[in-house]
Amino acid sequence: MSTRTLAVVSAGLSVPSSTRLLADRLTDATVTALGERGVEARPEVIELRDHARDLADHLVTGFPNAALRPVLDTVAGADGLIAVTPIFSASYSGLFKTFADVLDRPDLGSNALAGTPVLLGATAGTARHQLALDHAMRPLFAYLHATVVPTGVFAASEDWGATPELAERITRAAGELADLVAARPAGHVADPFAAAVPFEQLLKG
């Protein structure tokens, strides 16, 4: 059985959060779907809430600190990405956008997510925000050259009941991500710092 890595990014702000709950359900469904395709998945969950200060420091200094660099390595080197954010004012959270900005910085290389299969998820208190998946999140990841699966998963407060629609959508999206991840060559590795200019070279002008 071959092995693939999954990076799971949750931008929830509270503990516990519905965003993390959705991320966990998407992860479990994707691991199951990959297993059905003869692939063992190794998921690694990243709570952006834990790295809010690290991300702010990076924006100011242009360099990741010791806590943030492994996070960027994990996302850039993953065979697949599950990205889930709460929706505020009809768009992704500021914390989620900050992470995307860091991934797109020139010193990281502008293609950290190029070709990476991505499953998008979002949570909100009302279903009025569900279009944010398509009008905000998809364009963002298209700009990052990621390969976004057709089915996005949105969960409003009322979706956490016993209705089957959310579970069905999670299963469908996980299957789409599993298809793309399983088709990737094993051992995919990306180095987001390959384009970084050595500090000594910067000093030389």
N, C-alpha and C. Protein backbone atom coordinates (compact mmCIF):
# COMPACT_ATOMS: atom_id res chain seq x y z
N MET A 1 0.85 -1.19 0.00
CA MET A 1 0.00 0.00 0.00
C MET A 1 0.89 1.25 0.00
N SER A 2 0.64 2.14 -0.94
CA SER A 2 1.41 3.38 -1.01
C SER A 2 0.92 4.36 0.04
N THR A 3 1.71 5.39 0.29
CA THR A 3 1.40 6.36 1.33
C THR A 3 1.36 7.76 0.75
N ARG A 4 0.40 8.56 1.19
CA ARG A 4 0.31 9.96 0.79
C ARG A 4 0.13 10.82 2.05
N THR A 5 0.62 12.04 1.98
CA THR A 5 0.48 12.96 3.11
C THR A 5 -0.66 13.95 2.86
N LEU A 6 -1.39 14.26 3.90
CA LEU A 6 -2.47 15.24 3.85
C LEU A 6 -2.18 16.35 4.86
N ALA A 7 -2.20 17.58 4.39
CA ALA A 7 -2.13 18.72 5.30
C ALA A 7 -3.57 19.20 5.51
N VAL A 8 -3.94 19.42 6.77
CA VAL A 8 -5.29 19.86 7.11
C VAL A 8 -5.16 21.20 7.84
N VAL A 9 -5.63 22.25 7.21
CA VAL A 9 -5.52 23.60 7.76
C VAL A 9 -6.88 24.05 8.26
N SER A 10 -6.95 24.35 9.56
CA SER A 10 -8.18 24.83 10.17
C SER A 10 -7.96 26.24 10.70
N ALA A 11 -8.82 27.17 10.28
CA ALA A 11 -8.68 28.56 10.69
C ALA A 11 -9.70 28.96 11.75
N GLY A 12 -10.21 28.00 12.47
CA GLY A 12 -11.15 28.30 13.54
C GLY A 12 -10.50 29.15 14.63
N LEU A 13 -11.28 30.02 15.24
CA LEU A 13 -10.74 30.93 16.25
C LEU A 13 -11.05 30.51 17.68
N SER A 14 -12.04 29.66 17.86
CA SER A 14 -12.42 29.25 19.20
C SER A 14 -12.01 27.80 19.44
N VAL A 15 -12.05 27.40 20.71
CA VAL A 15 -11.74 26.02 21.08
C VAL A 15 -12.82 25.52 22.05
N PRO A 16 -13.64 24.54 21.61
CA PRO A 16 -13.64 23.90 20.29
C PRO A 16 -14.31 24.81 19.25
N SER A 17 -14.20 24.44 17.98
CA SER A 17 -14.81 25.23 16.91
C SER A 17 -15.48 24.33 15.90
N SER A 18 -16.53 24.84 15.29
CA SER A 18 -17.20 24.08 14.23
C SER A 18 -16.29 23.93 13.02
N THR A 19 -15.37 24.88 12.84
CA THR A 19 -14.42 24.80 11.73
C THR A 19 -13.52 23.58 11.90
N ARG A 20 -13.00 23.38 13.10
CA ARG A 20 -12.17 22.20 13.36
C ARG A 20 -13.00 20.92 13.25
N LEU A 21 -14.24 20.96 13.69
CA LEU A 21 -15.11 19.79 13.58
C LEU A 21 -15.30 19.40 12.12
N LEU A 22 -15.54 20.39 11.26
CA LEU A 22 -15.70 20.08 9.84
C LEU A 22 -14.39 19.58 9.25
N ALA A 23 -13.27 20.19 9.65
CA ALA A 23 -11.97 19.73 9.16
C ALA A 23 -11.72 18.28 9.54
N ASP A 24 -12.08 17.91 10.76
CA ASP A 24 -11.89 16.53 11.21
C ASP A 24 -12.76 15.56 10.43
N ARG A 25 -13.99 15.95 10.17
CA ARG A 25 -14.88 15.06 9.41
C ARG A 25 -14.41 14.91 7.97
N LEU A 26 -13.94 15.98 7.37
CA LEU A 26 -13.40 15.89 6.01
C LEU A 26 -12.14 15.01 5.99
N THR A 27 -11.33 15.14 7.01
CA THR A 27 -10.10 14.34 7.08
C THR A 27 -10.43 12.86 7.22
N ASP A 28 -11.32 12.53 8.14
CA ASP A 28 -11.70 11.12 8.34
C ASP A 28 -12.27 10.52 7.06
N ALA A 29 -13.12 11.28 6.37
CA ALA A 29 -13.72 10.77 5.14
C ALA A 29 -12.68 10.59 4.04
N THR A 30 -11.71 11.50 3.98
CA THR A 30 -10.66 11.39 2.96
C THR A 30 -9.74 10.22 3.24
N VAL A 31 -9.38 10.02 4.51
CA VAL A 31 -8.55 8.87 4.88
C VAL A 31 -9.25 7.57 4.51
N THR A 32 -10.55 7.50 4.77
CA THR A 32 -11.33 6.31 4.41
C THR A 32 -11.35 6.11 2.90
N ALA A 33 -11.59 7.20 2.16
CA ALA A 33 -11.66 7.11 0.70
C ALA A 33 -10.32 6.69 0.10
N LEU A 34 -9.24 7.20 0.64
CA LEU A 34 -7.92 6.81 0.15
C LEU A 34 -7.64 5.34 0.46
N GLY A 35 -8.06 4.88 1.64
CA GLY A 35 -7.89 3.48 1.98
C GLY A 35 -8.62 2.56 1.01
N GLU A 36 -9.80 3.00 0.56
CA GLU A 36 -10.55 2.22 -0.43
C GLU A 36 -9.85 2.18 -1.78
N ARG A 37 -8.93 3.12 -2.00
CA ARG A 37 -8.16 3.16 -3.25
C ARG A 37 -6.77 2.57 -3.07
N GLY A 38 -6.54 1.90 -1.96
CA GLY A 38 -5.26 1.25 -1.72
C GLY A 38 -4.15 2.20 -1.32
N VAL A 39 -4.51 3.34 -0.73
CA VAL A 39 -3.52 4.34 -0.34
C VAL A 39 -3.65 4.62 1.15
N GLU A 40 -2.55 4.58 1.85
CA GLU A 40 -2.53 4.95 3.26
C GLU A 40 -2.30 6.45 3.39
N ALA A 41 -3.14 7.12 4.17
CA ALA A 41 -3.03 8.56 4.33
C ALA A 41 -2.39 8.90 5.66
N ARG A 42 -1.53 9.92 5.63
CA ARG A 42 -0.91 10.42 6.86
C ARG A 42 -1.31 11.90 7.01
N PRO A 43 -2.41 12.16 7.72
CA PRO A 43 -2.85 13.54 7.88
C PRO A 43 -2.10 14.27 8.99
N GLU A 44 -1.88 15.55 8.78
CA GLU A 44 -1.30 16.41 9.81
C GLU A 44 -2.14 17.67 9.90
N VAL A 45 -2.73 17.89 11.06
CA VAL A 45 -3.65 19.01 11.25
C VAL A 45 -2.88 20.24 11.75
N ILE A 46 -3.17 21.38 11.14
CA ILE A 46 -2.54 22.64 11.51
C ILE A 46 -3.63 23.61 11.95
N GLU A 47 -3.59 24.00 13.21
CA GLU A 47 -4.52 25.00 13.73
C GLU A 47 -3.87 26.38 13.55
N LEU A 48 -4.39 27.17 12.64
CA LEU A 48 -3.80 28.49 12.40
C LEU A 48 -3.90 29.38 13.63
N ARG A 49 -4.88 29.15 14.46
CA ARG A 49 -5.03 29.93 15.70
C ARG A 49 -3.75 29.87 16.54
N ASP A 50 -3.09 28.72 16.52
CA ASP A 50 -1.86 28.54 17.31
C ASP A 50 -0.67 29.29 16.73
N HIS A 51 -0.80 29.76 15.48
CA HIS A 51 0.33 30.40 14.80
C HIS A 51 0.00 31.84 14.37
N ALA A 52 -1.01 32.44 15.00
CA ALA A 52 -1.42 33.79 14.60
C ALA A 52 -0.27 34.78 14.75
N ARG A 53 0.44 34.75 15.86
CA ARG A 53 1.55 35.68 16.06
C ARG A 53 2.71 35.35 15.12
N ASP A 54 2.95 34.06 14.89
CA ASP A 54 4.02 33.67 13.96
C ASP A 54 3.75 34.20 12.56
N LEU A 55 2.49 34.13 12.14
CA LEU A 55 2.12 34.62 10.81
C LEU A 55 2.29 36.14 10.72
N ALA A 56 1.89 36.84 11.78
CA ALA A 56 2.06 38.30 11.78
C ALA A 56 3.53 38.68 11.74
N ASP A 57 4.36 37.96 12.49
CA ASP A 57 5.80 38.22 12.47
C ASP A 57 6.36 38.02 11.07
N HIS A 58 5.90 36.98 10.39
CA HIS A 58 6.39 36.68 9.05
C HIS A 58 6.06 37.80 8.08
N LEU A 59 4.83 38.33 8.19
CA LEU A 59 4.44 39.42 7.30
C LEU A 59 5.34 40.64 7.49
N VAL A 60 5.77 40.88 8.73
CA VAL A 60 6.58 42.05 9.03
C VAL A 60 8.04 41.83 8.67
N THR A 61 8.58 40.65 9.01
CA THR A 61 10.01 40.39 8.82
C THR A 61 10.34 39.78 7.47
N GLY A 62 9.38 39.08 6.88
CA GLY A 62 9.65 38.41 5.61
C GLY A 62 10.26 37.03 5.78
N PHE A 63 10.40 36.56 7.02
CA PHE A 63 11.01 35.26 7.27
C PHE A 63 10.19 34.48 8.29
N PRO A 64 10.03 33.17 8.10
CA PRO A 64 9.32 32.37 9.10
C PRO A 64 10.19 32.09 10.30
N ASN A 65 9.60 32.11 11.48
CA ASN A 65 10.36 31.77 12.68
C ASN A 65 10.40 30.24 12.83
N ALA A 66 11.02 29.79 13.90
CA ALA A 66 11.23 28.35 14.09
C ALA A 66 9.92 27.59 14.24
N ALA A 67 8.88 28.24 14.73
CA ALA A 67 7.60 27.56 14.90
C ALA A 67 6.81 27.50 13.61
N LEU A 68 6.97 28.49 12.74
CA LEU A 68 6.16 28.56 11.52
C LEU A 68 6.76 27.78 10.36
N ARG A 69 8.07 27.70 10.29
CA ARG A 69 8.68 27.06 9.12
C ARG A 69 8.23 25.61 8.93
N PRO A 70 8.16 24.78 9.98
CA PRO A 70 7.67 23.41 9.77
C PRO A 70 6.23 23.37 9.25
N VAL A 71 5.42 24.36 9.64
CA VAL A 71 4.05 24.43 9.15
C VAL A 71 4.03 24.67 7.65
N LEU A 72 4.83 25.62 7.19
CA LEU A 72 4.88 25.91 5.75
C LEU A 72 5.45 24.73 4.98
N ASP A 73 6.45 24.07 5.55
CA ASP A 73 7.01 22.88 4.91
C ASP A 73 5.95 21.79 4.76
N THR A 74 5.15 21.60 5.80
CA THR A 74 4.11 20.58 5.77
C THR A 74 3.10 20.83 4.67
N VAL A 75 2.63 22.06 4.57
CA VAL A 75 1.62 22.40 3.57
C VAL A 75 2.20 22.32 2.16
N ALA A 76 3.38 22.87 1.96
CA ALA A 76 3.98 22.88 0.63
C ALA A 76 4.38 21.49 0.16
N GLY A 77 4.70 20.60 1.09
CA GLY A 77 5.15 19.26 0.71
C GLY A 77 4.07 18.21 0.72
N ALA A 78 2.83 18.58 1.06
CA ALA A 78 1.76 17.61 1.16
C ALA A 78 1.27 17.15 -0.21
N ASP A 79 0.77 15.93 -0.26
CA ASP A 79 0.18 15.40 -1.50
C ASP A 79 -1.24 15.91 -1.69
N GLY A 80 -1.86 16.38 -0.63
CA GLY A 80 -3.21 16.93 -0.71
C GLY A 80 -3.44 17.87 0.46
N LEU A 81 -4.37 18.80 0.29
CA LEU A 81 -4.64 19.81 1.31
C LEU A 81 -6.15 19.90 1.55
N ILE A 82 -6.52 19.91 2.81
CA ILE A 82 -7.89 20.22 3.23
C ILE A 82 -7.83 21.55 3.95
N ALA A 83 -8.54 22.54 3.44
CA ALA A 83 -8.48 23.90 4.00
C ALA A 83 -9.88 24.34 4.40
N VAL A 84 -10.03 24.68 5.68
CA VAL A 84 -11.35 25.03 6.21
C VAL A 84 -11.26 26.34 6.98
N THR A 85 -12.19 27.24 6.71
CA THR A 85 -12.19 28.55 7.37
C THR A 85 -13.60 28.92 7.82
N PRO A 86 -13.72 29.67 8.89
CA PRO A 86 -15.01 30.30 9.18
C PRO A 86 -15.23 31.45 8.20
N ILE A 87 -16.48 31.77 7.97
CA ILE A 87 -16.83 32.85 7.06
C ILE A 87 -17.30 34.06 7.87
N PHE A 88 -16.65 35.19 7.63
CA PHE A 88 -17.04 36.45 8.26
C PHE A 88 -17.30 37.48 7.17
N SER A 89 -18.43 38.17 7.25
CA SER A 89 -18.75 39.21 6.26
C SER A 89 -18.63 38.67 4.85
N ALA A 90 -19.15 37.47 4.63
CA ALA A 90 -19.25 36.84 3.32
C ALA A 90 -17.91 36.45 2.70
N SER A 91 -16.86 36.30 3.52
CA SER A 91 -15.57 35.87 2.98
C SER A 91 -14.79 35.13 4.06
N TYR A 92 -13.63 34.59 3.65
CA TYR A 92 -12.78 33.85 4.59
C TYR A 92 -12.27 34.79 5.68
N SER A 93 -11.80 34.19 6.77
CA SER A 93 -11.31 34.99 7.89
C SER A 93 -9.99 35.67 7.56
N GLY A 94 -9.66 36.71 8.31
CA GLY A 94 -8.38 37.40 8.12
C GLY A 94 -7.21 36.48 8.41
N LEU A 95 -7.35 35.60 9.39
CA LEU A 95 -6.28 34.66 9.72
C LEU A 95 -6.02 33.71 8.56
N PHE A 96 -7.08 33.24 7.93
CA PHE A 96 -6.94 32.35 6.78
C PHE A 96 -6.26 33.07 5.62
N LYS A 97 -6.66 34.31 5.37
CA LYS A 97 -6.05 35.09 4.28
C LYS A 97 -4.58 35.37 4.57
N THR A 98 -4.24 35.63 5.83
CA THR A 98 -2.84 35.87 6.18
C THR A 98 -2.00 34.65 5.85
N PHE A 99 -2.51 33.47 6.13
CA PHE A 99 -1.78 32.25 5.82
C PHE A 99 -1.58 32.11 4.31
N ALA A 100 -2.62 32.41 3.54
CA ALA A 100 -2.50 32.36 2.08
C ALA A 100 -1.48 33.38 1.59
N ASP A 101 -1.46 34.56 2.18
CA ASP A 101 -0.49 35.58 1.79
C ASP A 101 0.94 35.12 2.06
N VAL A 102 1.16 34.46 3.17
CA VAL A 102 2.49 33.95 3.51
C VAL A 102 2.92 32.88 2.52
N LEU A 103 2.00 32.01 2.13
CA LEU A 103 2.33 30.96 1.17
C LEU A 103 2.70 31.54 -0.19
N ASP A 104 2.17 32.72 -0.50
CA ASP A 104 2.40 33.31 -1.82
C ASP A 104 3.54 34.32 -1.83
N ARG A 105 4.24 34.49 -0.72
CA ARG A 105 5.34 35.46 -0.69
C ARG A 105 6.46 35.02 -1.62
N PRO A 106 7.11 35.96 -2.32
CA PRO A 106 8.19 35.59 -3.26
C PRO A 106 9.32 34.80 -2.62
N ASP A 107 9.63 35.07 -1.33
CA ASP A 107 10.73 34.37 -0.70
C ASP A 107 10.40 32.90 -0.45
N LEU A 108 9.12 32.54 -0.54
CA LEU A 108 8.74 31.13 -0.38
C LEU A 108 8.63 30.44 -1.73
N GLY A 109 8.72 31.19 -2.80
CA GLY A 109 8.43 30.62 -4.10
C GLY A 109 6.94 30.77 -4.34
N SER A 110 6.55 31.22 -5.50
CA SER A 110 5.14 31.52 -5.74
C SER A 110 4.33 30.30 -6.11
N ASN A 111 4.96 29.12 -6.14
CA ASN A 111 4.25 27.93 -6.57
C ASN A 111 4.19 26.87 -5.49
N ALA A 112 4.09 27.29 -4.22
CA ALA A 112 4.07 26.34 -3.12
C ALA A 112 2.91 25.35 -3.23
N LEU A 113 1.78 25.79 -3.78
CA LEU A 113 0.61 24.91 -3.91
C LEU A 113 0.32 24.54 -5.35
N ALA A 114 1.20 24.82 -6.27
CA ALA A 114 0.94 24.55 -7.68
C ALA A 114 0.67 23.06 -7.90
N GLY A 115 -0.51 22.78 -8.44
CA GLY A 115 -0.88 21.41 -8.74
C GLY A 115 -1.35 20.59 -7.56
N THR A 116 -1.31 21.15 -6.37
CA THR A 116 -1.72 20.40 -5.18
C THR A 116 -3.25 20.25 -5.14
N PRO A 117 -3.77 19.03 -4.99
CA PRO A 117 -5.22 18.86 -4.85
C PRO A 117 -5.70 19.45 -3.54
N VAL A 118 -6.78 20.23 -3.60
CA VAL A 118 -7.28 20.92 -2.41
C VAL A 118 -8.79 20.71 -2.28
N LEU A 119 -9.20 20.40 -1.08
CA LEU A 119 -10.63 20.32 -0.73
C LEU A 119 -10.93 21.52 0.15
N LEU A 120 -11.93 22.31 -0.24
CA LEU A 120 -12.28 23.52 0.50
C LEU A 120 -13.51 23.30 1.37
N GLY A 121 -13.43 23.80 2.60
CA GLY A 121 -14.57 23.75 3.50
C GLY A 121 -14.74 25.08 4.20
N ALA A 122 -15.96 25.36 4.63
CA ALA A 122 -16.24 26.62 5.32
C ALA A 122 -17.39 26.42 6.28
N THR A 123 -17.39 27.21 7.35
CA THR A 123 -18.46 27.17 8.34
C THR A 123 -18.96 28.59 8.60
N ALA A 124 -20.21 28.68 9.02
CA ALA A 124 -20.79 29.99 9.36
C ALA A 124 -22.04 29.76 10.18
N GLY A 125 -22.52 30.83 10.77
CA GLY A 125 -23.72 30.72 11.58
C GLY A 125 -24.99 30.68 10.77
N THR A 126 -24.92 31.05 9.50
CA THR A 126 -26.11 31.08 8.65
C THR A 126 -25.77 30.62 7.25
N ALA A 127 -26.74 30.03 6.58
CA ALA A 127 -26.54 29.54 5.22
C ALA A 127 -26.37 30.67 4.21
N ARG A 128 -26.63 31.90 4.61
CA ARG A 128 -26.47 33.03 3.69
C ARG A 128 -25.03 33.19 3.21
N HIS A 129 -24.07 32.58 3.94
CA HIS A 129 -22.66 32.74 3.59
C HIS A 129 -22.14 31.62 2.68
N GLN A 130 -22.99 30.69 2.26
CA GLN A 130 -22.49 29.50 1.58
C GLN A 130 -21.82 29.81 0.23
N LEU A 131 -22.21 30.90 -0.41
CA LEU A 131 -21.60 31.23 -1.70
C LEU A 131 -20.15 31.68 -1.57
N ALA A 132 -19.69 31.93 -0.34
CA ALA A 132 -18.30 32.34 -0.15
C ALA A 132 -17.32 31.27 -0.62
N LEU A 133 -17.73 30.01 -0.60
CA LEU A 133 -16.87 28.95 -1.13
C LEU A 133 -16.48 29.22 -2.57
N ASP A 134 -17.46 29.68 -3.36
CA ASP A 134 -17.22 29.85 -4.79
C ASP A 134 -16.75 31.25 -5.17
N HIS A 135 -17.24 32.27 -4.48
CA HIS A 135 -16.86 33.63 -4.92
C HIS A 135 -15.63 34.15 -4.19
N ALA A 136 -15.20 33.49 -3.11
CA ALA A 136 -14.02 33.95 -2.37
C ALA A 136 -12.92 32.90 -2.32
N MET A 137 -13.24 31.69 -1.87
CA MET A 137 -12.19 30.69 -1.65
C MET A 137 -11.65 30.10 -2.95
N ARG A 138 -12.52 29.76 -3.88
CA ARG A 138 -12.03 29.17 -5.14
C ARG A 138 -11.11 30.12 -5.91
N PRO A 139 -11.46 31.39 -6.06
CA PRO A 139 -10.53 32.30 -6.75
C PRO A 139 -9.19 32.42 -6.04
N LEU A 140 -9.20 32.39 -4.72
CA LEU A 140 -7.95 32.49 -3.97
C LEU A 140 -7.03 31.32 -4.29
N PHE A 141 -7.56 30.10 -4.29
CA PHE A 141 -6.73 28.93 -4.55
C PHE A 141 -6.42 28.76 -6.03
N ALA A 142 -7.28 29.29 -6.90
CA ALA A 142 -6.93 29.31 -8.32
C ALA A 142 -5.72 30.22 -8.54
N TYR A 143 -5.68 31.34 -7.83
CA TYR A 143 -4.54 32.24 -7.91
C TYR A 143 -3.26 31.56 -7.44
N LEU A 144 -3.38 30.67 -6.45
CA LEU A 144 -2.22 29.94 -5.94
C LEU A 144 -1.89 28.71 -6.79
N HIS A 145 -2.59 28.53 -7.91
CA HIS A 145 -2.35 27.44 -8.86
C HIS A 145 -2.62 26.06 -8.28
N ALA A 146 -3.47 25.99 -7.25
CA ALA A 146 -3.85 24.69 -6.70
C ALA A 146 -4.94 24.07 -7.58
N THR A 147 -5.14 22.76 -7.43
CA THR A 147 -6.19 22.03 -8.14
C THR A 147 -7.32 21.78 -7.15
N VAL A 148 -8.38 22.55 -7.24
CA VAL A 148 -9.47 22.48 -6.27
C VAL A 148 -10.52 21.47 -6.75
N VAL A 149 -10.93 20.57 -5.85
CA VAL A 149 -11.93 19.57 -6.22
C VAL A 149 -13.27 20.26 -6.48
N PRO A 150 -14.12 19.65 -7.32
CA PRO A 150 -15.39 20.31 -7.68
C PRO A 150 -16.32 20.58 -6.51
N THR A 151 -16.34 19.68 -5.54
CA THR A 151 -17.30 19.82 -4.43
C THR A 151 -16.66 20.50 -3.23
N GLY A 152 -17.19 21.66 -2.86
CA GLY A 152 -16.80 22.30 -1.62
C GLY A 152 -17.83 21.97 -0.55
N VAL A 153 -17.45 22.06 0.70
CA VAL A 153 -18.36 21.68 1.78
C VAL A 153 -18.56 22.87 2.72
N PHE A 154 -19.82 23.31 2.79
CA PHE A 154 -20.19 24.41 3.67
C PHE A 154 -21.11 23.87 4.75
N ALA A 155 -20.89 24.30 5.98
CA ALA A 155 -21.73 23.87 7.10
C ALA A 155 -22.18 25.07 7.91
N ALA A 156 -23.47 25.35 7.89
CA ALA A 156 -24.06 26.36 8.75
C ALA A 156 -24.47 25.68 10.07
N SER A 157 -24.88 26.47 11.03
CA SER A 157 -25.22 25.93 12.35
C SER A 157 -26.29 24.85 12.25
N GLU A 158 -27.27 25.06 11.38
CA GLU A 158 -28.37 24.10 11.28
C GLU A 158 -27.97 22.80 10.58
N ASP A 159 -26.81 22.77 9.95
CA ASP A 159 -26.38 21.57 9.22
C ASP A 159 -25.80 20.49 10.12
N TRP A 160 -25.58 20.79 11.40
CA TRP A 160 -24.95 19.82 12.29
C TRP A 160 -25.95 18.87 12.93
N GLY A 161 -27.19 18.91 12.48
CA GLY A 161 -28.21 18.00 13.00
C GLY A 161 -28.12 16.64 12.34
N ALA A 162 -29.24 15.93 12.34
CA ALA A 162 -29.26 14.56 11.84
C ALA A 162 -29.55 14.47 10.34
N THR A 163 -29.63 15.59 9.66
CA THR A 163 -29.91 15.54 8.22
C THR A 163 -28.74 14.94 7.47
N PRO A 164 -29.02 14.15 6.41
CA PRO A 164 -27.94 13.43 5.71
C PRO A 164 -27.18 14.27 4.69
N GLU A 165 -27.67 15.46 4.37
CA GLU A 165 -27.07 16.22 3.26
C GLU A 165 -25.60 16.54 3.51
N LEU A 166 -25.25 16.97 4.72
CA LEU A 166 -23.87 17.33 5.01
C LEU A 166 -22.97 16.11 4.90
N ALA A 167 -23.39 14.99 5.46
CA ALA A 167 -22.58 13.77 5.39
C ALA A 167 -22.38 13.32 3.95
N GLU A 168 -23.41 13.43 3.16
CA GLU A 168 -23.30 13.03 1.75
C GLU A 168 -22.32 13.93 1.00
N ARG A 169 -22.38 15.21 1.28
CA ARG A 169 -21.48 16.15 0.61
C ARG A 169 -20.03 15.92 1.05
N ILE A 170 -19.83 15.64 2.33
CA ILE A 170 -18.49 15.33 2.83
C ILE A 170 -17.93 14.10 2.14
N THR A 171 -18.75 13.07 2.02
CA THR A 171 -18.30 11.83 1.37
C THR A 171 -17.94 12.06 -0.09
N ARG A 172 -18.77 12.83 -0.79
CA ARG A 172 -18.50 13.11 -2.21
C ARG A 172 -17.23 13.92 -2.38
N ALA A 173 -17.05 14.96 -1.58
CA ALA A 173 -15.86 15.79 -1.69
C ALA A 173 -14.60 15.00 -1.33
N ALA A 174 -14.68 14.19 -0.29
CA ALA A 174 -13.53 13.37 0.11
C ALA A 174 -13.14 12.39 -1.00
N GLY A 175 -14.13 11.83 -1.68
CA GLY A 175 -13.83 10.92 -2.79
C GLY A 175 -13.13 11.62 -3.94
N GLU A 176 -13.56 12.86 -4.22
CA GLU A 176 -12.92 13.63 -5.28
C GLU A 176 -11.47 13.95 -4.93
N LEU A 177 -11.24 14.32 -3.67
CA LEU A 177 -9.86 14.61 -3.25
C LEU A 177 -9.02 13.34 -3.28
N ALA A 178 -9.58 12.23 -2.82
CA ALA A 178 -8.85 10.97 -2.81
C ALA A 178 -8.44 10.54 -4.22
N ASP A 179 -9.32 10.75 -5.19
CA ASP A 179 -8.98 10.40 -6.57
C ASP A 179 -7.75 11.16 -7.05
N LEU A 180 -7.71 12.46 -6.76
CA LEU A 180 -6.58 13.28 -7.21
C LEU A 180 -5.31 12.95 -6.44
N VAL A 181 -5.43 12.76 -5.14
CA VAL A 181 -4.25 12.47 -4.32
C VAL A 181 -3.67 11.11 -4.69
N ALA A 182 -4.52 10.12 -4.88
CA ALA A 182 -4.05 8.77 -5.22
C ALA A 182 -3.34 8.74 -6.57
N ALA A 183 -3.73 9.66 -7.46
CA ALA A 183 -3.13 9.69 -8.79
C ALA A 183 -1.79 10.39 -8.83
N ARG A 184 -1.43 11.10 -7.76
CA ARG A 184 -0.14 11.81 -7.73
C ARG A 184 1.01 10.83 -7.56
N PRO A 185 2.15 11.13 -8.14
CA PRO A 185 3.32 10.27 -7.93
C PRO A 185 3.70 10.22 -6.46
N ALA A 186 4.05 9.05 -5.99
CA ALA A 186 4.47 8.90 -4.60
C ALA A 186 5.75 9.70 -4.35
N GLY A 187 5.88 10.20 -3.13
CA GLY A 187 7.10 10.91 -2.78
C GLY A 187 7.13 12.34 -3.27
N HIS A 188 5.96 12.90 -3.60
CA HIS A 188 5.91 14.31 -4.01
C HIS A 188 6.52 15.18 -2.92
N VAL A 189 7.47 16.00 -3.30
CA VAL A 189 8.11 16.90 -2.35
C VAL A 189 8.20 18.28 -2.96
N ALA A 190 7.82 19.27 -2.21
CA ALA A 190 7.97 20.66 -2.65
C ALA A 190 8.77 21.42 -1.62
N ASP A 191 9.67 22.27 -2.08
CA ASP A 191 10.47 23.08 -1.17
C ASP A 191 10.07 24.53 -1.33
N PRO A 192 9.24 25.07 -0.39
CA PRO A 192 8.77 26.44 -0.55
C PRO A 192 9.88 27.46 -0.40
N PHE A 193 11.06 27.06 0.09
CA PHE A 193 12.14 28.01 0.31
C PHE A 193 13.21 27.94 -0.78
N ALA A 194 12.90 27.20 -1.84
CA ALA A 194 13.90 27.04 -2.89
C ALA A 194 14.25 28.37 -3.55
N ALA A 195 13.28 29.28 -3.57
CA ALA A 195 13.51 30.57 -4.24
C ALA A 195 14.04 31.65 -3.30
N ALA A 196 14.29 31.29 -2.04
CA ALA A 196 14.77 32.28 -1.08
C ALA A 196 16.19 32.73 -1.42
N VAL A 197 16.43 34.02 -1.30
CA VAL A 197 17.75 34.59 -1.56
C VAL A 197 18.56 34.54 -0.26
N PRO A 198 19.76 33.96 -0.28
CA PRO A 198 20.57 33.92 0.94
C PRO A 198 20.81 35.31 1.49
N PHE A 199 20.85 35.41 2.84
CA PHE A 199 21.00 36.70 3.49
C PHE A 199 22.31 37.37 3.10
N GLU A 200 23.38 36.56 2.93
CA GLU A 200 24.67 37.13 2.54
C GLU A 200 24.59 37.80 1.18
N GLN A 201 23.81 37.21 0.28
CA GLN A 201 23.64 37.79 -1.05
C GLN A 201 22.87 39.09 -0.98
N LEU A 202 21.87 39.15 -0.10
CA LEU A 202 21.11 40.39 0.06
C LEU A 202 22.01 41.52 0.56
N LEU A 203 22.94 41.20 1.48
CA LEU A 203 23.84 42.21 2.01
C LEU A 203 24.79 42.76 0.95
N LYS A 204 25.14 41.89 -0.02
CA LYS A 204 26.04 42.32 -1.09
C LYS A 204 25.35 43.22 -2.09
N GLY A 205 24.01 43.26 -2.01
CA GLY A 205 23.26 44.11 -2.92
C GLY A 205 23.16 43.51 -4.31
